[in-house]
Amino acid sequence: MRLTILGGGGFRVPLVHRALLADRRRTGITELVLHDVDNDRLNAIGRVLTAQARDVPDAPELITTTDLDTAVTGADFVFCAIRVGGLRGRVIDERVALGAGVLGQETVGAGGISYGLRTVPEARRIAASIARLAPAAWTINFTNPAGLVTEAMATHLGDRVIGICDSPSGLVDRVVRAIGADPATVRVDYAGLNHLGWLYGVHRLGHAHPPSSANAPVAAAASRSGWSPDSTSRSASAPPPRSAGSAAAAGSAVIGSSAEAAGSTAAGSYSVTGDCAAHITAGSPPLAADLDALATEFGGRALKIGGPSGSGAEGSGEDLLDGLLNDRARLDSIEEGRLFGADRLRDLGAVPNEYLHYYYDPAGTLAALRDAAQTRGEFLLGQQHRCYAEIAAHDPLDAWLAAWREREATYMAENRELAGAGEREHDESRPAGYEGVALAVMRALAHNEPATLILNIRNRGTLSVLDDDAVVEVPCTVDGNGAAPQRIAPLPSHGVELVRAVKTAERWVLEAVASGSRTAAVRAMAAHPLVGPQAAARLIDAYRTEFPELAYLRPD
């Protein structure tokens, strides 16, 4: 079988290759094609991979190319891991946002909107090429913002594109270890969007699954947020409905739904209530004191999911997460306990994805980023230049390994320092990151080996607060037919408005790309809870000045 990696000159490609070599007999990959628009980077990573495979006699054949059609033709699997604008683009995303007084992380806030506006047009072009030249291929999307990009690619590829992220699997692994359970004997309730999810239930296998959140009553679960099913209305400023396209036309299998559902029209964006709505509609940007209101709204106490009155588990309905949340010592033993604090996790009744720290302490994070000597993008850009020079001058594998370990150790350093969370846990013997998730998906699809993984796929009724075509991050069963969402308990009430607000911003990005409308791009910025309307137009114009890739955004 042939595996193509788009963005093949990227820094993380050796991780995928290393996992592929270790699992080569199970995956069945005999050809590995690397594609990149930068030939120098492509050659450098090619040297690392050649060194990595030097003692592996049956390693997959390595092919490099800068031509997209050549790379995609005949592929059985495509890993999409591109970065439009490179790391220089990430630096601009961060600095422009900080200059406007808002957060600019590459997937969160203003930086994520800018990155999405640049990336979605290219992702759609790539998806169209895959649909045309390799219609039977499965595409596994690594490209950030992963949920938004996966939703964009699904326009052409239907359910044959699956988005992945290693944050949820790492979170679940740490929590299950802290509980003392065997991962093979538990199921979890985890839900949200990419970089915006919560682990809110850990149950022993053999207990009945909770009712599907699409059919379960959610009014009680949402009561603390002031949301009810009747309030799911399209905002007055919502983008027009977006056609989901025909999954069948892309040769995809429609998982867990009828053909009619696969072609249904998206519900557009969503209205929001409370403080978040005030930021979006009243022109008050979430800055300074207002950030504390956002932190309170999005970090408030959750209505408990599970237990005898909750998820419908058999027997006692025991939620193993309860014991962990009430044990400060064990909470302090995991990264999330140190990052968010035991009291907050108990109040939430959940363990958030680490990226929620940007939402729960936005003022502190913004101050820390402003005070830092350099942004994360600037650090990575400098490290990348040094790494590729070292690869050319010395042993390529040693040079890359040293840079990778440094990168892992400094991940989200400002957030951890702000929270007093200490050094990042980095155990190379633990389950792998993106590469481990990607290969597990590939094995399940290629050999019909069912696996349970947290993935980014189309909602299909899994979360009742979003429409069916919205890409969500939830536990899935993956086999030879594709990825199907598992039944989970309803999204905790404290996450409902935040998820809906961020999905609204993503939908405005898709509308801006489809229409070329600057106004739609401004509305994407304004809708994001960490940006707001006051700075939105100024941000879009600043990014348009910096990025030729945004020239398509025309004044209305």
Protein backbone atom coordinates (compact mmCIF):
# COMPACT_ATOMS: atom_id res chain seq x y z
CA MET A 1 0.00 0.00 0.00
CA ARG A 2 1.04 3.58 -0.60
CA LEU A 3 0.99 6.29 2.08
CA THR A 4 1.38 9.92 1.02
CA ILE A 5 2.32 12.63 3.53
CA LEU A 6 1.47 16.16 2.42
CA GLY A 7 3.76 18.54 4.25
CA GLY A 8 6.43 15.87 3.99
CA GLY A 9 9.21 18.32 4.84
CA GLY A 10 7.61 19.04 8.20
CA PHE A 11 9.41 18.63 11.50
CA ARG A 12 7.13 15.87 12.85
CA VAL A 13 7.34 13.59 9.80
CA PRO A 14 10.17 11.49 11.34
CA LEU A 15 7.81 10.62 14.21
CA VAL A 16 5.33 9.16 11.72
CA HIS A 17 8.13 7.33 9.94
CA ARG A 18 9.49 5.90 13.19
CA ALA A 19 6.06 4.57 14.15
CA LEU A 20 5.62 3.20 10.62
CA LEU A 21 8.92 1.31 10.83
CA ALA A 22 8.00 -0.18 14.19
CA ASP A 23 4.61 -1.31 12.88
CA ARG A 24 5.47 -1.90 9.21
CA ARG A 25 4.31 -5.52 9.05
CA ARG A 26 0.88 -4.68 10.50
CA THR A 27 0.24 -1.56 8.45
CA GLY A 28 1.24 -3.09 5.12
CA ILE A 29 2.72 0.18 3.82
CA THR A 30 5.36 -0.53 1.15
CA GLU A 31 5.70 2.97 -0.35
CA LEU A 32 6.01 6.26 1.52
CA VAL A 33 5.61 9.41 -0.57
CA LEU A 34 6.65 12.76 0.91
CA HIS A 35 5.29 15.91 -0.72
CA ASP A 36 6.26 19.45 0.15
CA VAL A 37 6.42 22.82 -1.60
CA ASP A 38 9.88 23.45 -0.07
CA ASN A 39 12.44 21.19 -1.74
CA ASP A 40 15.20 21.99 0.77
CA ARG A 41 13.05 20.96 3.73
CA LEU A 42 11.91 17.89 1.83
CA ASN A 43 15.52 16.81 1.22
CA ALA A 44 16.49 17.44 4.85
CA ILE A 45 13.66 15.33 6.27
CA GLY A 46 14.39 12.71 3.62
CA ARG A 47 17.92 12.44 5.06
CA VAL A 48 16.52 11.97 8.57
CA LEU A 49 14.20 9.22 7.38
CA THR A 50 16.96 7.48 5.44
CA ALA A 51 19.13 7.48 8.58
CA GLN A 52 16.23 6.24 10.66
CA ALA A 53 15.65 3.29 8.31
CA ARG A 54 19.29 2.33 7.75
CA ASP A 55 19.03 -0.81 9.91
CA VAL A 56 15.55 -1.78 8.71
CA PRO A 57 15.94 -3.97 5.59
CA ASP A 58 12.24 -4.07 4.70
CA ALA A 59 11.52 -0.38 5.29
CA PRO A 60 8.96 1.19 2.94
CA GLU A 61 10.41 2.68 -0.23
CA LEU A 62 10.86 6.45 0.16
CA ILE A 63 9.73 8.75 -2.65
CA THR A 64 9.88 12.57 -2.56
CA THR A 65 8.13 15.05 -4.86
CA THR A 66 7.02 18.67 -5.03
CA ASP A 67 4.14 17.87 -7.40
CA LEU A 68 0.80 17.38 -5.67
CA ASP A 69 -0.83 15.28 -8.39
CA THR A 70 2.15 12.92 -8.49
CA ALA A 71 2.05 12.56 -4.71
CA VAL A 72 -1.65 11.83 -4.50
CA THR A 73 -2.12 9.55 -7.51
CA GLY A 74 -2.45 5.92 -6.44
CA ALA A 75 -2.39 6.67 -2.71
CA ASP A 76 -4.25 4.35 -0.36
CA PHE A 77 -3.83 6.77 2.55
CA VAL A 78 -3.07 10.49 2.62
CA PHE A 79 -1.79 12.22 5.74
CA CYS A 80 -2.41 15.96 5.40
CA ALA A 81 0.03 17.95 7.57
CA ILE A 82 0.53 21.26 5.79
CA ARG A 83 1.34 24.71 7.23
CA VAL A 84 0.29 27.51 4.88
CA GLY A 85 2.65 30.43 5.43
CA GLY A 86 5.13 28.30 7.38
CA LEU A 87 6.35 29.15 10.85
CA ARG A 88 6.90 32.73 9.74
CA GLY A 89 3.13 32.87 9.27
CA ARG A 90 2.62 31.60 12.82
CA VAL A 91 4.86 34.38 14.15
CA ILE A 92 2.79 36.98 12.29
CA ASP A 93 -0.44 35.43 13.60
CA GLU A 94 0.85 35.76 17.15
CA ARG A 95 2.40 39.23 16.91
CA VAL A 96 -0.53 40.90 15.12
CA ALA A 97 -2.93 39.50 17.73
CA LEU A 98 -0.78 40.53 20.68
CA GLY A 99 -0.46 44.00 19.17
CA ALA A 100 -4.26 44.25 19.18
CA GLY A 101 -4.46 43.08 22.80
CA VAL A 102 -5.86 39.59 22.14
CA LEU A 103 -4.53 36.02 22.16
CA GLY A 104 -3.05 34.73 18.93
CA GLN A 105 -2.21 31.06 19.47
CA GLU A 106 -2.20 29.11 16.20
CA THR A 107 -5.50 27.34 16.85
CA VAL A 108 -7.09 29.61 19.46
CA GLY A 109 -8.47 33.12 19.01
CA ALA A 110 -7.29 35.60 16.40
CA GLY A 111 -4.28 33.55 15.32
CA GLY A 112 -6.46 30.51 14.73
CA ILE A 113 -8.91 32.52 12.61
CA SER A 114 -6.08 33.97 10.49
CA TYR A 115 -4.49 30.54 10.11
CA GLY A 116 -7.83 29.02 9.14
CA LEU A 117 -8.51 31.73 6.53
CA ARG A 118 -5.14 30.92 4.91
CA THR A 119 -5.37 27.16 5.23
CA VAL A 120 -8.95 26.32 4.23
CA PRO A 121 -8.57 27.35 0.54
CA GLU A 122 -5.49 25.13 0.17
CA ALA A 123 -7.10 22.28 2.11
CA ARG A 124 -10.09 22.37 -0.23
CA ARG A 125 -7.80 22.35 -3.27
CA ILE A 126 -5.96 19.33 -1.89
CA ALA A 127 -9.23 17.55 -1.07
CA ALA A 128 -10.48 18.10 -4.62
CA SER A 129 -7.25 16.58 -5.99
CA ILE A 130 -7.57 13.55 -3.72
CA ALA A 131 -11.22 13.06 -4.73
CA ARG A 132 -10.19 13.22 -8.40
CA LEU A 133 -6.96 11.19 -8.37
CA ALA A 134 -7.39 8.82 -5.41
CA PRO A 135 -11.14 8.57 -4.74
CA ALA A 136 -10.76 5.38 -2.69
CA ALA A 137 -8.06 6.81 -0.43
CA TRP A 138 -8.61 7.62 3.21
CA THR A 139 -7.38 11.06 4.24
CA ILE A 140 -6.19 11.58 7.80
CA ASN A 141 -5.91 15.26 8.59
CA PHE A 142 -3.21 16.55 10.95
CA THR A 143 -3.44 20.16 9.72
CA ASN A 144 -4.50 22.79 12.26
CA PRO A 145 -7.01 24.09 13.07
CA ALA A 146 -7.84 20.39 12.76
CA GLY A 147 -11.62 20.46 13.20
CA LEU A 148 -12.12 23.42 10.87
CA VAL A 149 -9.81 22.00 8.19
CA THR A 150 -11.42 18.55 8.40
CA GLU A 151 -14.87 20.12 7.97
CA ALA A 152 -13.61 22.03 4.93
CA MET A 153 -12.11 18.91 3.34
CA ALA A 154 -15.31 16.93 3.96
CA THR A 155 -16.99 19.11 1.31
CA HIS A 156 -15.06 17.05 -1.27
CA LEU A 157 -14.22 13.86 0.64
CA GLY A 158 -17.29 13.24 2.79
CA ASP A 159 -16.59 10.72 5.54
CA ARG A 160 -13.33 9.60 3.92
CA VAL A 161 -11.52 12.39 5.76
CA ILE A 162 -10.86 11.98 9.48
CA GLY A 163 -9.21 14.60 11.67
CA ILE A 164 -6.81 13.60 14.43
CA CYS A 165 -5.19 15.22 17.45
CA ASP A 166 -3.03 13.69 20.16
CA SER A 167 -4.26 15.94 23.00
CA PRO A 168 -7.40 13.90 23.85
CA SER A 169 -5.60 10.54 23.80
CA GLY A 170 -2.82 11.91 25.99
CA LEU A 171 -5.38 13.35 28.41
CA VAL A 172 -7.30 10.07 28.65
CA ASP A 173 -4.08 8.09 29.10
CA ARG A 174 -2.96 10.29 32.01
CA VAL A 175 -6.36 10.23 33.71
CA VAL A 176 -6.85 6.47 33.36
CA ARG A 177 -3.37 5.84 34.76
CA ALA A 178 -4.07 8.17 37.70
CA ILE A 179 -7.32 6.30 38.38
CA GLY A 180 -5.40 3.04 38.30
CA ALA A 181 -7.60 1.41 35.67
CA ASP A 182 -6.65 -0.69 32.68
CA PRO A 183 -7.35 1.40 29.54
CA ALA A 184 -8.70 -1.71 27.83
CA THR A 185 -11.44 -2.06 30.45
CA VAL A 186 -12.96 1.43 30.39
CA ARG A 187 -14.97 3.66 28.10
CA VAL A 188 -14.97 7.44 28.32
CA ASP A 189 -17.25 10.40 27.84
CA TYR A 190 -15.19 13.01 26.00
CA ALA A 191 -16.64 15.64 23.70
CA GLY A 192 -16.23 19.07 22.18
CA LEU A 193 -14.30 20.55 19.29
CA ASN A 194 -10.63 20.18 18.49
CA HIS A 195 -8.61 21.90 21.25
CA LEU A 196 -11.90 22.56 23.02
CA GLY A 197 -13.01 19.35 24.72
CA TRP A 198 -13.63 17.83 28.14
CA LEU A 199 -13.24 14.37 29.65
CA TYR A 200 -16.31 14.05 31.88
CA GLY A 201 -16.83 10.34 32.44
CA VAL A 202 -14.75 7.16 32.84
CA HIS A 203 -16.82 3.96 33.09
CA ARG A 204 -15.93 0.29 33.31
CA LEU A 205 -16.81 -1.71 30.23
CA GLY A 206 -19.87 -3.88 30.69
CA HIS A 207 -21.99 -0.99 31.92
CA ALA A 208 -24.63 0.11 29.47
CA HIS A 209 -23.72 3.07 27.32
CA PRO A 210 -25.51 6.31 28.10
CA PRO A 211 -28.33 7.27 25.78
CA SER A 212 -27.20 9.10 22.67
CA SER A 213 -26.99 12.78 23.41
CA ALA A 214 -28.97 13.39 20.24
CA ASN A 215 -31.99 11.77 21.89
CA ALA A 216 -31.32 12.34 25.58
CA PRO A 217 -33.05 15.20 27.37
CA VAL A 218 -30.47 17.95 27.69
CA ALA A 219 -32.51 20.67 29.36
CA ALA A 220 -31.42 19.55 32.82
CA ALA A 221 -27.79 19.23 31.77
CA ALA A 222 -27.87 22.71 30.28
CA SER A 223 -29.82 24.45 33.01
CA ARG A 224 -26.78 26.02 34.65
CA SER A 225 -25.74 27.74 31.41
CA GLY A 226 -29.19 29.15 30.69
CA TRP A 227 -29.38 27.18 27.45
CA SER A 228 -32.32 25.04 26.38
CA PRO A 229 -33.09 23.02 23.25
CA ASP A 230 -35.54 25.69 22.16
CA SER A 231 -32.77 28.30 22.07
CA THR A 232 -30.89 26.61 19.22
CA SER A 233 -31.65 29.29 16.69
CA ARG A 234 -29.64 30.73 13.87
CA SER A 235 -28.12 34.07 14.78
CA ALA A 236 -29.44 37.10 12.92
CA SER A 237 -25.93 37.59 11.60
CA ALA A 238 -25.37 33.94 10.75
CA PRO A 239 -23.81 32.95 7.43
CA PRO A 240 -26.16 31.42 4.86
CA PRO A 241 -26.67 27.65 5.07
CA ARG A 242 -23.73 25.68 3.72
CA SER A 243 -24.29 22.65 1.55
CA ALA A 244 -22.59 19.59 2.97
CA GLY A 245 -22.08 18.13 -0.47
CA SER A 246 -22.64 14.55 -1.43
CA ALA A 247 -20.53 12.04 0.41
CA ALA A 248 -21.35 9.46 -2.20
CA ALA A 249 -19.95 11.66 -4.94
CA ALA A 250 -16.56 11.51 -3.22
CA GLY A 251 -16.75 7.74 -3.02
CA SER A 252 -17.18 7.80 0.74
CA ALA A 253 -19.02 5.46 3.01
CA VAL A 254 -21.70 7.25 4.99
CA ILE A 255 -21.19 6.11 8.55
CA GLY A 256 -24.13 5.70 10.88
CA SER A 257 -26.57 7.75 8.85
CA SER A 258 -28.89 7.63 5.90
CA ALA A 259 -28.05 9.00 2.48
CA GLU A 260 -30.58 11.74 3.10
CA ALA A 261 -28.75 12.82 6.26
CA ALA A 262 -25.43 12.81 4.41
CA GLY A 263 -26.72 15.40 1.97
CA SER A 264 -28.53 17.54 4.47
CA THR A 265 -27.94 21.26 4.77
CA ALA A 266 -25.95 22.56 7.72
CA ALA A 267 -27.78 24.67 10.24
CA GLY A 268 -25.34 27.54 9.96
CA SER A 269 -24.12 29.31 13.07
CA TYR A 270 -25.68 29.53 16.47
CA SER A 271 -26.95 32.21 18.78
CA VAL A 272 -25.31 32.41 22.18
CA THR A 273 -26.44 33.82 25.51
CA GLY A 274 -24.92 35.30 28.63
CA ASP A 275 -21.63 37.19 28.76
CA CYS A 276 -20.40 35.63 25.53
CA ALA A 277 -23.37 36.99 23.62
CA ALA A 278 -22.74 40.41 25.08
CA HIS A 279 -19.23 40.40 23.68
CA ILE A 280 -20.48 39.41 20.25
CA THR A 281 -23.51 41.67 19.99
CA ALA A 282 -22.77 44.70 22.16
CA GLY A 283 -19.32 45.53 20.84
CA SER A 284 -17.46 44.86 24.10
CA PRO A 285 -14.24 42.95 23.39
CA PRO A 286 -13.21 40.30 25.93
CA LEU A 287 -10.29 42.24 27.37
CA ALA A 288 -9.04 43.03 30.89
CA ALA A 289 -11.89 42.68 33.39
CA ASP A 290 -14.20 41.23 30.75
CA LEU A 291 -11.84 38.26 30.42
CA ASP A 292 -12.60 37.38 34.02
CA ALA A 293 -16.31 37.22 33.14
CA LEU A 294 -15.50 34.84 30.29
CA ALA A 295 -13.40 32.70 32.61
CA THR A 296 -16.28 32.55 35.09
CA GLU A 297 -18.85 31.69 32.43
CA PHE A 298 -16.77 29.02 30.71
CA GLY A 299 -15.16 27.65 33.86
CA GLY A 300 -18.26 27.36 36.04
CA ARG A 301 -19.50 24.33 37.87
CA ALA A 302 -20.83 21.49 35.75
CA LEU A 303 -23.99 19.53 36.37
CA LYS A 304 -22.64 16.06 37.18
CA ILE A 305 -22.91 13.53 34.38
CA GLY A 306 -23.11 9.81 35.22
CA GLY A 307 -23.95 8.04 38.45
CA PRO A 308 -27.33 6.60 39.41
CA SER A 309 -29.28 9.60 38.14
CA GLY A 310 -27.16 10.39 35.12
CA SER A 311 -25.76 8.39 32.26
CA GLY A 312 -27.80 5.23 32.58
CA ALA A 313 -24.93 2.86 33.40
CA GLU A 314 -25.88 -0.57 34.69
CA GLY A 315 -25.41 -1.59 38.33
CA SER A 316 -24.17 1.28 40.46
CA GLY A 317 -23.45 3.43 37.40
CA GLU A 318 -20.08 4.25 39.03
CA ASP A 319 -18.11 6.97 37.31
CA LEU A 320 -14.44 6.28 38.05
CA LEU A 321 -13.65 9.92 37.39
CA ASP A 322 -15.44 10.92 40.62
CA GLY A 323 -12.77 9.31 42.77
CA LEU A 324 -9.98 11.13 40.96
CA LEU A 325 -11.71 14.51 41.14
CA ASN A 326 -12.04 14.13 44.91
CA ASP A 327 -8.39 13.15 45.43
CA ARG A 328 -6.14 16.24 45.35
CA ALA A 329 -2.93 14.22 45.54
CA ARG A 330 -3.81 12.15 42.50
CA LEU A 331 -5.03 15.22 40.60
CA ASP A 332 -1.73 16.94 41.32
CA SER A 333 0.04 13.95 39.77
CA ILE A 334 -1.30 14.73 36.27
CA GLU A 335 -0.52 17.72 34.06
CA GLU A 336 -4.13 18.90 33.91
CA GLY A 337 -4.47 18.86 37.70
CA ARG A 338 -1.45 21.12 38.03
CA LEU A 339 -2.43 23.33 35.08
CA PHE A 340 -6.07 23.99 36.06
CA GLY A 341 -5.97 23.28 39.79
CA ALA A 342 -7.85 20.63 41.73
CA ASP A 343 -10.62 22.99 42.87
CA ARG A 344 -11.52 24.01 39.31
CA LEU A 345 -11.58 20.42 38.10
CA ARG A 346 -13.90 19.44 40.95
CA ASP A 347 -16.16 22.39 40.14
CA LEU A 348 -16.25 21.43 36.47
CA GLY A 349 -16.84 17.75 37.21
CA ALA A 350 -14.52 17.17 34.24
CA VAL A 351 -10.91 17.34 33.09
CA PRO A 352 -10.50 19.86 30.26
CA ASN A 353 -8.21 19.60 27.27
CA GLU A 354 -5.09 21.63 28.06
CA TYR A 355 -6.05 24.27 25.46
CA LEU A 356 -9.00 25.30 27.65
CA HIS A 357 -6.42 27.12 29.78
CA TYR A 358 -6.52 29.91 27.19
CA TYR A 359 -10.25 30.32 27.93
CA TYR A 360 -10.21 29.76 31.69
CA ASP A 361 -7.35 32.21 32.36
CA PRO A 362 -7.24 34.45 29.28
CA ALA A 363 -6.06 37.58 31.09
CA GLY A 364 -3.19 35.79 32.80
CA THR A 365 -2.18 33.97 29.63
CA LEU A 366 -2.28 37.17 27.59
CA ALA A 367 -0.07 38.93 30.14
CA ALA A 368 2.38 36.01 30.20
CA LEU A 369 2.64 35.96 26.40
CA ARG A 370 3.18 39.71 26.26
CA ASP A 371 5.94 39.48 28.87
CA ALA A 372 7.70 36.54 27.19
CA ALA A 373 10.96 37.25 25.38
CA GLN A 374 9.59 35.53 22.28
CA THR A 375 6.40 33.89 21.09
CA ARG A 376 6.09 30.15 20.62
CA GLY A 377 6.25 30.67 16.87
CA GLU A 378 9.46 32.69 17.17
CA PHE A 379 11.05 29.97 19.31
CA LEU A 380 10.06 27.26 16.84
CA LEU A 381 11.19 29.29 13.83
CA GLY A 382 14.64 29.82 15.33
CA GLN A 383 14.86 26.20 16.42
CA GLN A 384 13.82 25.02 12.98
CA HIS A 385 16.54 27.05 11.25
CA ARG A 386 19.15 25.58 13.62
CA CYS A 387 17.78 22.06 13.25
CA TYR A 388 17.82 22.00 9.46
CA ALA A 389 21.36 23.44 9.47
CA GLU A 390 22.43 20.71 11.91
CA ILE A 391 20.78 18.04 9.76
CA ALA A 392 22.86 19.23 6.78
CA ALA A 393 26.13 19.40 8.71
CA HIS A 394 26.00 16.48 11.15
CA ASP A 395 24.26 13.17 11.76
CA PRO A 396 20.73 13.98 10.59
CA LEU A 397 18.92 11.68 13.02
CA ASP A 398 20.82 12.91 16.09
CA ALA A 399 20.22 16.54 15.09
CA TRP A 400 16.52 15.99 14.66
CA LEU A 401 16.12 14.01 17.90
CA ALA A 402 17.78 16.76 19.95
CA ALA A 403 15.47 19.40 18.47
CA TRP A 404 12.37 17.24 18.97
CA ARG A 405 13.11 16.66 22.66
CA GLU A 406 13.64 20.38 23.21
CA ARG A 407 10.39 21.16 21.45
CA GLU A 408 8.42 18.69 23.56
CA ALA A 409 9.90 19.98 26.83
CA THR A 410 8.90 23.60 26.07
CA TYR A 411 5.35 22.94 24.84
CA MET A 412 2.81 25.41 26.36
CA ALA A 413 5.57 26.64 28.69
CA GLU A 414 3.90 30.02 29.42
CA ASN A 415 0.64 28.36 30.48
CA ARG A 416 2.42 25.91 32.77
CA GLU A 417 4.59 28.62 34.32
CA LEU A 418 1.54 30.83 34.92
CA ALA A 419 -0.28 27.98 36.66
CA GLY A 420 2.79 26.76 38.54
CA ALA A 421 2.32 23.40 36.82
CA GLY A 422 6.02 22.53 36.63
CA GLU A 423 7.76 20.82 33.76
CA ARG A 424 5.86 19.02 31.04
CA GLU A 425 5.57 15.27 31.40
CA HIS A 426 7.42 13.65 28.52
CA ASP A 427 7.74 9.89 28.71
CA GLU A 428 8.88 8.44 25.37
CA SER A 429 7.71 4.99 26.50
CA ARG A 430 4.09 6.14 26.73
CA PRO A 431 1.60 5.92 23.81
CA ALA A 432 2.76 8.02 20.88
CA GLY A 433 1.26 11.33 19.82
CA TYR A 434 -0.16 12.24 16.43
CA GLU A 435 1.75 9.45 14.76
CA GLY A 436 0.36 6.79 17.09
CA VAL A 437 -3.21 7.96 16.59
CA ALA A 438 -2.76 8.17 12.81
CA LEU A 439 -1.32 4.67 12.50
CA ALA A 440 -4.03 3.21 14.74
CA VAL A 441 -6.66 4.78 12.46
CA MET A 442 -4.85 3.49 9.38
CA ARG A 443 -4.61 -0.08 10.71
CA ALA A 444 -8.29 -0.12 11.64
CA LEU A 445 -9.33 1.13 8.21
CA ALA A 446 -6.94 -1.01 6.15
CA HIS A 447 -7.35 -4.31 7.97
CA ASN A 448 -10.81 -3.92 9.52
CA GLU A 449 -9.30 -4.09 13.01
CA PRO A 450 -11.87 -2.24 15.17
CA ALA A 451 -10.37 0.40 17.43
CA THR A 452 -11.77 3.04 19.76
CA LEU A 453 -10.16 6.45 19.29
CA ILE A 454 -11.09 10.09 19.91
CA LEU A 455 -11.29 11.67 16.46
CA ASN A 456 -12.63 14.66 14.56
CA ILE A 457 -15.55 13.55 12.39
CA ARG A 458 -18.96 14.84 11.32
CA ASN A 459 -21.39 15.07 14.22
CA ARG A 460 -24.25 12.91 12.91
CA GLY A 461 -26.39 13.74 15.95
CA THR A 462 -23.74 12.91 18.56
CA LEU A 463 -23.90 16.38 20.14
CA SER A 464 -27.41 17.77 20.03
CA VAL A 465 -26.16 21.36 20.35
CA LEU A 466 -24.59 21.25 16.87
CA ASP A 467 -25.89 20.28 13.43
CA ASP A 468 -25.10 16.93 11.82
CA ASP A 469 -22.35 18.20 9.49
CA ALA A 470 -20.39 20.07 12.15
CA VAL A 471 -17.07 18.32 12.76
CA VAL A 472 -16.75 17.43 16.44
CA GLU A 473 -14.13 15.65 18.56
CA VAL A 474 -15.64 12.53 20.16
CA PRO A 475 -14.88 8.85 20.84
CA CYS A 476 -15.31 6.78 17.68
CA THR A 477 -15.29 3.17 16.61
CA VAL A 478 -13.04 2.78 13.58
CA ASP A 479 -13.05 -0.26 11.29
CA GLY A 480 -12.92 -1.07 7.59
CA ASN A 481 -16.07 0.97 6.96
CA GLY A 482 -14.74 4.19 8.48
CA ALA A 483 -15.16 6.06 11.76
CA ALA A 484 -18.52 6.14 13.56
CA PRO A 485 -19.19 8.21 16.70
CA GLN A 486 -19.94 6.28 19.86
CA ARG A 487 -22.84 7.10 22.14
CA ILE A 488 -21.77 9.42 24.93
CA ALA A 489 -23.43 11.41 27.69
CA PRO A 490 -24.51 14.94 26.73
CA LEU A 491 -21.89 17.66 26.62
CA PRO A 492 -21.54 19.25 30.09
CA SER A 493 -23.62 22.38 30.38
CA HIS A 494 -20.64 24.63 31.10
CA GLY A 495 -19.22 23.79 27.67
CA VAL A 496 -22.32 24.30 25.55
CA GLU A 497 -22.12 28.03 24.83
CA LEU A 498 -18.37 27.98 24.30
CA VAL A 499 -18.59 25.13 21.78
CA ARG A 500 -21.42 26.82 19.91
CA ALA A 501 -19.62 30.18 19.84
CA VAL A 502 -16.37 28.73 18.49
CA LYS A 503 -18.24 26.66 15.90
CA THR A 504 -20.00 29.86 14.81
CA ALA A 505 -16.60 31.49 14.26
CA GLU A 506 -15.47 28.46 12.23
CA ARG A 507 -18.57 28.61 10.06
CA TRP A 508 -17.88 32.27 9.31
CA VAL A 509 -14.37 31.27 8.20
CA LEU A 510 -15.87 28.73 5.80
CA GLU A 511 -18.29 31.35 4.51
CA ALA A 512 -15.46 33.87 4.02
CA VAL A 513 -13.46 31.34 2.00
CA ALA A 514 -16.46 30.34 -0.10
CA SER A 515 -17.55 33.90 -0.84
CA GLY A 516 -14.28 35.85 -0.66
CA SER A 517 -16.06 38.25 1.69
CA ARG A 518 -13.98 40.44 4.01
CA THR A 519 -17.15 41.06 6.02
CA ALA A 520 -17.56 37.33 6.67
CA ALA A 521 -13.93 37.17 7.82
CA VAL A 522 -14.52 40.08 10.20
CA ARG A 523 -17.60 38.30 11.55
CA ALA A 524 -15.47 35.19 12.17
CA MET A 525 -13.14 37.28 14.32
CA ALA A 526 -16.01 39.04 16.08
CA ALA A 527 -17.78 35.77 16.89
CA HIS A 528 -14.78 34.21 18.62
CA PRO A 529 -15.07 34.51 22.41
CA LEU A 530 -11.40 35.51 22.78
CA VAL A 531 -11.53 38.27 20.16
CA GLY A 532 -14.84 40.15 20.02
CA PRO A 533 -16.11 42.79 17.56
CA GLN A 534 -14.07 45.80 18.65
CA ALA A 535 -10.76 44.54 17.27
CA ALA A 536 -12.14 42.26 14.54
CA ALA A 537 -11.94 44.54 11.48
CA ARG A 538 -8.54 45.90 12.48
CA LEU A 539 -7.20 42.36 12.86
CA ILE A 540 -8.49 41.18 9.48
CA ASP A 541 -7.01 44.21 7.71
CA ALA A 542 -3.66 43.73 9.46
CA TYR A 543 -3.54 40.07 8.48
CA ARG A 544 -4.54 40.90 4.89
CA THR A 545 -1.61 43.32 4.72
CA GLU A 546 0.83 40.67 5.95
CA PHE A 547 -0.39 37.63 4.01
CA PRO A 548 -0.69 37.48 0.21
CA GLU A 549 -2.74 34.31 0.75
CA LEU A 550 -5.58 36.50 2.07
CA ALA A 551 -5.82 38.68 -1.05
CA TYR A 552 -9.01 36.79 -1.94
CA LEU A 553 -10.87 38.62 0.86
CA ARG A 554 -12.59 41.51 -0.92
CA PRO A 555 -14.48 44.41 0.64
CA ASP A 556 -18.23 43.91 0.20
